[in-house]
Amino acid sequence: MDQLRVARWPRVSPLCLLLAGAAWASSPSLPDPKFESKAALLASRGSEELLCFTQRLEDLVCFWEEAANSGMGFNYSFSYQLEGESRKSCRLHQAPTVRGSMRFWCSLPTADTSSFVPLELQVTEASGSPRYHRIIHINEVVLLDAPAGLLARRAEEGSHVVLRWLPPPGAPMTTHIRYEVDVSAGNRAGGTQRVEVLEGRTECVLSNLRGGTRYTFAVRARMAEPSFSGFWSAWSEPASLLTASGEATVPRGGGGAGPNTRQTSLTFLPPRLGPSHLDAVSHSRPHLTVADCAGPAVPPPGSAAEDLAWHPKPRE
């Protein structure tokens, strides 16, 4: 009998392994934490019911959510079609969310993630009735990771703060990324201000900030138009510092705000903006804080722009 058991085991074992492997393969894969955070971010912002995003232009995930207690049977099919190609099906996965809804998602294979080509998406119910239908371009639904390594330091000028950060990890074509900086002055009501940064730049110099105040900064990223589009990323990890004591003053030629300015607004200073232009802008906006977020270069001593916000060298 023992010999019979031993003889049967080699034939039973491969069969058991095959069945176990099939059961494992058919189980829906759980989304990774990065997908969870990005899906939640889009679900909270988006007006579309069927949401899609790409992170590196070589991938595409589409998903939607619905109430888990809707009483409907979850039985859908997902198909897509690139212009000029045949329609293909995409395997759907589903999992509950922390908000109590049910999320359905599909990841397209890399071979079918072509940018600048119309992509038709369709979700169909078991009865054959269409549930969702969209036509997108993958290069217009980019959702980057948050910028990394944000650092804030005080410049030699007491009211100047220099911010530096790294592009989103794994981002495609970093020269086509625009950024937005969020500036918050302590817990002061209405103290949050934002300024956009020229695409491709990862440094920002803020001047005329309030002295002796703790500021908190964060930055987020988005692919630049017109070739690309998409969504603002999540905010980076914040960085904070305490500005030098003493009141901030408007740069010479500003002419509109003094030491007792209660609230200022951030504005972008283009690379070739000269003193006369700054003077005109300052008079048109009396509570002006200059934010030079166009690049890291500092004007040489004795230059015409030395006593203004810092200016970058023009791109070659």
Protein backbone atom coordinates (compact mmCIF):
# COMPACT_ATOMS: atom_id res chain seq x y z
CA MET A 1 0.00 0.00 0.00
CA ASP A 2 2.83 2.40 0.87
CA GLN A 3 4.38 1.68 -2.50
CA LEU A 4 1.04 2.44 -4.21
CA ARG A 5 0.76 5.79 -2.43
CA VAL A 6 4.27 6.67 -3.46
CA ALA A 7 3.57 5.67 -7.02
CA ARG A 8 0.43 7.80 -7.28
CA TRP A 9 1.92 10.98 -5.80
CA PRO A 10 4.01 11.98 -8.83
CA ARG A 11 0.86 11.91 -10.98
CA VAL A 12 -1.36 13.75 -8.45
CA SER A 13 1.16 16.45 -7.60
CA PRO A 14 1.38 18.09 -11.07
CA LEU A 15 -2.41 18.12 -11.30
CA CYS A 16 -2.75 19.84 -7.90
CA LEU A 17 -0.11 22.38 -8.82
CA LEU A 18 -1.85 23.11 -12.11
CA LEU A 19 -5.21 23.68 -10.41
CA ALA A 20 -3.65 25.83 -7.71
CA GLY A 21 -1.84 27.90 -10.32
CA ALA A 22 -5.03 28.43 -12.29
CA ALA A 23 -6.88 29.57 -9.17
CA TRP A 24 -4.08 32.00 -8.32
CA ALA A 25 -3.96 33.40 -11.85
CA SER A 26 -7.70 34.02 -11.93
CA SER A 27 -7.68 35.99 -8.68
CA PRO A 28 -7.92 39.74 -9.32
CA SER A 29 -4.65 41.52 -8.65
CA LEU A 30 -4.74 44.10 -5.91
CA PRO A 31 -3.65 47.64 -6.87
CA ASP A 32 -0.40 48.97 -5.46
CA PRO A 33 -0.43 51.91 -3.02
CA LYS A 34 0.67 54.36 -5.73
CA PHE A 35 -2.32 53.44 -7.87
CA GLU A 36 -4.59 53.74 -4.85
CA SER A 37 -3.40 57.25 -4.06
CA LYS A 38 -3.63 58.44 -7.67
CA ALA A 39 -7.04 56.90 -8.23
CA ALA A 40 -8.33 58.55 -5.06
CA LEU A 41 -6.82 61.87 -6.17
CA LEU A 42 -8.55 61.74 -9.55
CA ALA A 43 -11.83 60.46 -8.14
CA SER A 44 -11.95 63.48 -5.83
CA ARG A 45 -11.29 65.93 -8.70
CA GLY A 46 -12.61 64.43 -11.89
CA SER A 47 -15.98 65.08 -13.45
CA GLU A 48 -15.73 62.08 -15.77
CA GLU A 49 -17.19 58.82 -14.49
CA LEU A 50 -14.63 56.75 -16.42
CA LEU A 51 -11.22 58.10 -15.44
CA CYS A 52 -7.91 57.29 -17.11
CA PHE A 53 -4.32 58.29 -16.48
CA THR A 54 -0.80 57.49 -17.59
CA GLN A 55 2.31 58.00 -15.50
CA ARG A 56 5.09 57.62 -18.09
CA LEU A 57 3.30 57.59 -21.47
CA GLU A 58 4.03 53.86 -21.67
CA ASP A 59 1.12 52.81 -19.50
CA LEU A 60 -2.58 53.53 -19.13
CA VAL A 61 -5.02 52.69 -16.36
CA CYS A 62 -8.75 53.36 -16.63
CA PHE A 63 -11.12 52.97 -13.72
CA TRP A 64 -14.47 53.92 -12.30
CA GLU A 65 -16.19 53.55 -8.97
CA GLU A 66 -19.74 52.84 -7.95
CA ALA A 67 -21.63 52.18 -4.75
CA ALA A 68 -20.93 48.73 -3.38
CA ASN A 69 -24.51 48.42 -2.10
CA SER A 70 -26.20 49.46 -5.34
CA GLY A 71 -27.87 46.05 -5.60
CA MET A 72 -26.57 45.58 -9.14
CA GLY A 73 -24.53 42.61 -10.21
CA PHE A 74 -21.00 43.61 -11.14
CA ASN A 75 -20.60 42.07 -14.58
CA TYR A 76 -18.93 44.33 -17.13
CA SER A 77 -16.63 44.03 -20.10
CA PHE A 78 -14.00 46.60 -21.10
CA SER A 79 -12.81 47.08 -24.67
CA TYR A 80 -10.62 49.61 -26.45
CA GLN A 81 -9.63 50.48 -29.99
CA LEU A 82 -6.75 52.53 -31.34
CA GLU A 83 -7.47 54.43 -34.51
CA GLY A 84 -6.93 52.17 -37.51
CA GLU A 85 -6.69 48.98 -35.45
CA SER A 86 -9.10 46.26 -34.38
CA ARG A 87 -10.99 46.40 -31.10
CA LYS A 88 -9.45 44.54 -28.18
CA SER A 89 -10.69 43.49 -24.77
CA CYS A 90 -9.02 44.38 -21.49
CA ARG A 91 -9.33 42.29 -18.36
CA LEU A 92 -11.20 44.06 -15.59
CA HIS A 93 -10.25 43.88 -11.93
CA GLN A 94 -12.30 45.03 -8.99
CA ALA A 95 -11.68 45.77 -5.33
CA PRO A 96 -13.42 47.74 -2.57
CA THR A 97 -12.08 51.18 -1.67
CA VAL A 98 -11.59 52.68 1.77
CA ARG A 99 -14.60 54.91 1.08
CA GLY A 100 -16.88 51.90 0.80
CA SER A 101 -17.33 52.00 -2.98
CA MET A 102 -16.31 49.35 -5.49
CA ARG A 103 -13.56 50.23 -7.94
CA PHE A 104 -13.14 48.62 -11.35
CA TRP A 105 -9.96 49.09 -13.33
CA CYS A 106 -8.11 47.90 -16.39
CA SER A 107 -4.44 48.32 -17.37
CA LEU A 108 -3.67 48.43 -21.07
CA PRO A 109 -0.58 46.62 -22.37
CA THR A 110 2.39 48.80 -23.23
CA ALA A 111 2.12 47.88 -26.92
CA ASP A 112 -1.25 49.66 -27.09
CA THR A 113 -0.30 52.89 -25.33
CA SER A 114 0.43 55.14 -28.29
CA SER A 115 0.43 58.89 -27.70
CA PHE A 116 -1.16 61.41 -30.08
CA VAL A 117 -3.53 58.73 -31.42
CA PRO A 118 -7.26 58.64 -30.58
CA LEU A 119 -8.10 55.78 -28.24
CA GLU A 120 -11.72 54.71 -27.95
CA LEU A 121 -12.81 53.16 -24.64
CA GLN A 122 -16.02 51.32 -23.98
CA VAL A 123 -17.49 49.59 -20.94
CA THR A 124 -20.44 47.30 -21.59
CA GLU A 125 -22.86 45.66 -19.17
CA ALA A 126 -23.64 41.95 -19.31
CA SER A 127 -26.88 42.74 -21.14
CA GLY A 128 -24.90 44.41 -23.91
CA SER A 129 -25.96 47.92 -22.93
CA PRO A 130 -23.15 50.51 -23.01
CA ARG A 131 -22.08 51.74 -19.58
CA TYR A 132 -19.30 54.19 -20.49
CA HIS A 133 -17.83 55.48 -23.70
CA ARG A 134 -14.86 57.85 -24.07
CA ILE A 135 -12.30 58.84 -26.68
CA ILE A 136 -9.00 60.03 -25.23
CA HIS A 137 -5.40 60.74 -26.19
CA ILE A 138 -2.91 59.17 -23.82
CA ASN A 139 -0.63 62.21 -23.95
CA GLU A 140 -3.51 64.31 -22.55
CA VAL A 141 -4.16 62.27 -19.38
CA VAL A 142 -0.72 62.34 -17.74
CA LEU A 143 -0.65 62.14 -13.95
CA LEU A 144 2.90 62.45 -12.64
CA ASP A 145 4.26 61.51 -9.26
CA ALA A 146 4.81 64.37 -6.86
CA PRO A 147 8.13 66.23 -7.16
CA ALA A 148 10.79 64.96 -4.79
CA GLY A 149 13.44 66.39 -2.51
CA LEU A 150 12.00 69.86 -1.93
CA LEU A 151 14.49 72.04 -0.06
CA ALA A 152 14.04 75.57 1.22
CA ARG A 153 16.83 77.88 2.38
CA ARG A 154 17.29 81.54 3.11
CA ALA A 155 19.36 83.52 0.65
CA GLU A 156 21.80 86.19 1.75
CA GLU A 157 19.06 88.75 1.25
CA GLY A 158 16.94 88.57 4.38
CA SER A 159 13.60 88.43 2.60
CA HIS A 160 14.64 85.97 -0.12
CA VAL A 161 13.91 82.26 0.01
CA VAL A 162 15.36 79.77 -2.47
CA LEU A 163 13.38 76.61 -3.25
CA ARG A 164 14.85 73.64 -5.08
CA TRP A 165 13.34 70.27 -5.93
CA LEU A 166 13.74 67.25 -8.19
CA PRO A 167 11.42 66.30 -11.06
CA PRO A 168 8.84 63.58 -10.39
CA PRO A 169 10.56 60.17 -10.28
CA GLY A 170 10.42 58.41 -13.62
CA ALA A 171 8.77 61.35 -15.35
CA PRO A 172 9.08 61.49 -19.15
CA MET A 173 10.63 64.56 -20.77
CA THR A 174 11.33 66.62 -17.67
CA THR A 175 11.82 69.76 -19.77
CA HIS A 176 8.09 69.66 -20.54
CA ILE A 177 6.95 69.75 -16.93
CA ARG A 178 5.49 72.84 -15.30
CA TYR A 179 5.31 73.33 -11.56
CA GLU A 180 3.21 75.20 -9.07
CA VAL A 181 4.55 76.35 -5.71
CA ASP A 182 2.29 76.69 -2.70
CA VAL A 183 3.36 79.21 -0.04
CA SER A 184 1.69 79.27 3.35
CA ALA A 185 2.57 81.69 6.14
CA GLY A 186 1.97 79.88 9.41
CA ASN A 187 -1.65 79.52 10.41
CA ARG A 188 -2.63 82.95 9.19
CA ALA A 189 -6.06 83.11 7.53
CA GLY A 190 -5.70 83.76 3.82
CA GLY A 191 -1.98 83.19 4.03
CA THR A 192 -1.81 80.62 1.24
CA GLN A 193 -0.52 81.84 -2.12
CA ARG A 194 0.52 80.00 -5.27
CA VAL A 195 2.82 80.78 -8.17
CA GLU A 196 3.47 78.83 -11.35
CA VAL A 197 6.97 78.04 -12.56
CA LEU A 198 8.26 77.98 -16.13
CA GLU A 199 8.34 74.49 -17.58
CA GLY A 200 11.55 72.59 -17.06
CA ARG A 201 12.70 74.75 -14.13
CA THR A 202 13.22 73.21 -10.72
CA GLU A 203 14.24 76.27 -8.71
CA CYS A 204 12.26 79.21 -7.46
CA VAL A 205 13.40 82.37 -5.67
CA LEU A 206 10.76 84.15 -3.61
CA SER A 207 11.42 87.67 -2.41
CA ASN A 208 9.74 90.21 -0.17
CA LEU A 209 8.38 87.61 2.21
CA ARG A 210 7.32 88.72 5.67
CA GLY A 211 10.22 88.76 8.12
CA GLY A 212 10.28 86.59 11.23
CA THR A 213 7.57 84.31 9.85
CA ARG A 214 7.57 80.56 9.44
CA TYR A 215 6.62 79.67 5.88
CA THR A 216 5.69 76.24 4.59
CA PHE A 217 6.24 75.37 0.94
CA ALA A 218 5.09 72.56 -1.33
CA VAL A 219 5.30 71.96 -5.06
CA ARG A 220 3.31 69.91 -7.56
CA ALA A 221 3.83 69.02 -11.22
CA ARG A 222 1.94 68.76 -14.47
CA MET A 223 2.91 68.09 -18.08
CA ALA A 224 2.97 71.28 -20.13
CA GLU A 225 0.61 72.07 -22.96
CA PRO A 226 0.08 72.08 -25.89
CA SER A 227 1.79 68.77 -26.69
CA PHE A 228 0.80 67.25 -23.37
CA SER A 229 -1.85 67.72 -20.75
CA GLY A 230 -3.35 65.94 -17.82
CA PHE A 231 -3.70 66.55 -14.12
CA TRP A 232 -1.81 68.27 -11.34
CA SER A 233 0.11 65.74 -9.27
CA ALA A 234 -0.23 65.40 -5.55
CA TRP A 235 1.69 67.98 -3.51
CA SER A 236 5.25 67.16 -2.56
CA GLU A 237 6.38 66.64 0.98
CA PRO A 238 6.43 70.13 2.52
CA ALA A 239 9.49 72.12 3.47
CA SER A 240 9.46 74.98 5.94
CA LEU A 241 11.74 77.64 7.34
CA LEU A 242 11.68 80.77 9.46
CA THR A 243 12.49 83.94 7.52
CA ALA A 244 15.00 86.41 8.89
CA SER A 245 13.62 88.82 11.46
CA GLY A 246 12.65 92.28 10.31
CA GLU A 247 10.03 93.57 7.93
CA ALA A 248 10.19 92.80 4.23
CA THR A 249 10.37 95.67 1.78
CA VAL A 250 9.48 96.02 -1.88
CA PRO A 251 12.45 95.89 -4.28
CA ARG A 252 13.59 99.27 -5.57
CA GLY A 253 11.32 100.47 -8.34
CA GLY A 254 8.32 98.61 -6.87
CA GLY A 255 6.81 101.81 -5.56
CA GLY A 256 3.61 100.47 -4.10
CA ALA A 257 4.01 98.54 -0.88
CA GLY A 258 5.81 99.38 2.28
CA PRO A 259 6.94 97.59 5.41
CA ASN A 260 3.41 97.40 6.80
CA THR A 261 1.84 95.56 3.88
CA ARG A 262 -0.58 93.10 5.43
CA GLN A 263 -1.02 90.78 2.49
CA THR A 264 0.92 90.30 -0.71
CA SER A 265 0.42 88.36 -3.90
CA LEU A 266 2.94 86.29 -5.79
CA THR A 267 3.58 87.06 -9.43
CA PHE A 268 5.87 85.51 -12.03
CA LEU A 269 8.78 87.62 -13.23
CA PRO A 270 9.67 86.65 -16.83
CA PRO A 271 13.35 86.15 -17.67
CA ARG A 272 13.78 89.35 -19.70
CA LEU A 273 11.70 91.67 -17.55
CA GLY A 274 13.68 94.84 -17.03
CA PRO A 275 13.47 97.52 -14.31
CA SER A 276 11.03 99.68 -16.29
CA HIS A 277 8.67 96.73 -16.77
CA LEU A 278 8.89 95.82 -13.11
CA ASP A 279 8.07 99.39 -12.15
CA ALA A 280 4.96 99.35 -14.35
CA VAL A 281 3.80 96.02 -12.97
CA SER A 282 4.41 97.13 -9.41
CA HIS A 283 2.31 100.26 -9.82
CA SER A 284 -0.52 98.28 -11.36
CA ARG A 285 -0.45 95.85 -8.43
CA PRO A 286 0.34 97.83 -5.29
CA HIS A 287 0.85 94.84 -3.01
CA LEU A 288 3.50 93.13 -5.09
CA THR A 289 5.78 90.36 -4.01
CA VAL A 290 8.23 89.44 -6.73
CA ALA A 291 8.63 85.72 -7.32
CA ASP A 292 11.38 84.82 -9.76
CA CYS A 293 10.67 81.19 -10.53
CA ALA A 294 12.32 80.99 -13.90
CA GLY A 295 15.70 79.51 -13.05
CA PRO A 296 18.72 79.36 -10.78
CA ALA A 297 21.01 81.98 -12.33
CA VAL A 298 21.84 85.07 -10.28
CA PRO A 299 22.62 88.41 -11.99
CA PRO A 300 26.25 89.45 -11.79
CA PRO A 301 27.21 92.21 -9.35
CA GLY A 302 26.66 95.68 -10.74
CA SER A 303 24.10 94.58 -13.30
CA ALA A 304 20.91 96.55 -13.87
CA ALA A 305 18.86 93.82 -12.25
CA GLU A 306 21.04 93.38 -9.19
CA ASP A 307 18.57 94.99 -6.81
CA LEU A 308 15.52 93.26 -8.28
CA ALA A 309 14.43 89.71 -7.92
CA TRP A 310 16.92 87.27 -9.37
CA HIS A 311 16.85 86.65 -13.12
CA PRO A 312 17.83 83.52 -15.01
CA LYS A 313 19.96 83.38 -18.10
CA PRO A 314 17.83 83.09 -21.25
CA ARG A 315 17.56 79.59 -22.62
CA GLU A 316 19.93 78.97 -25.50
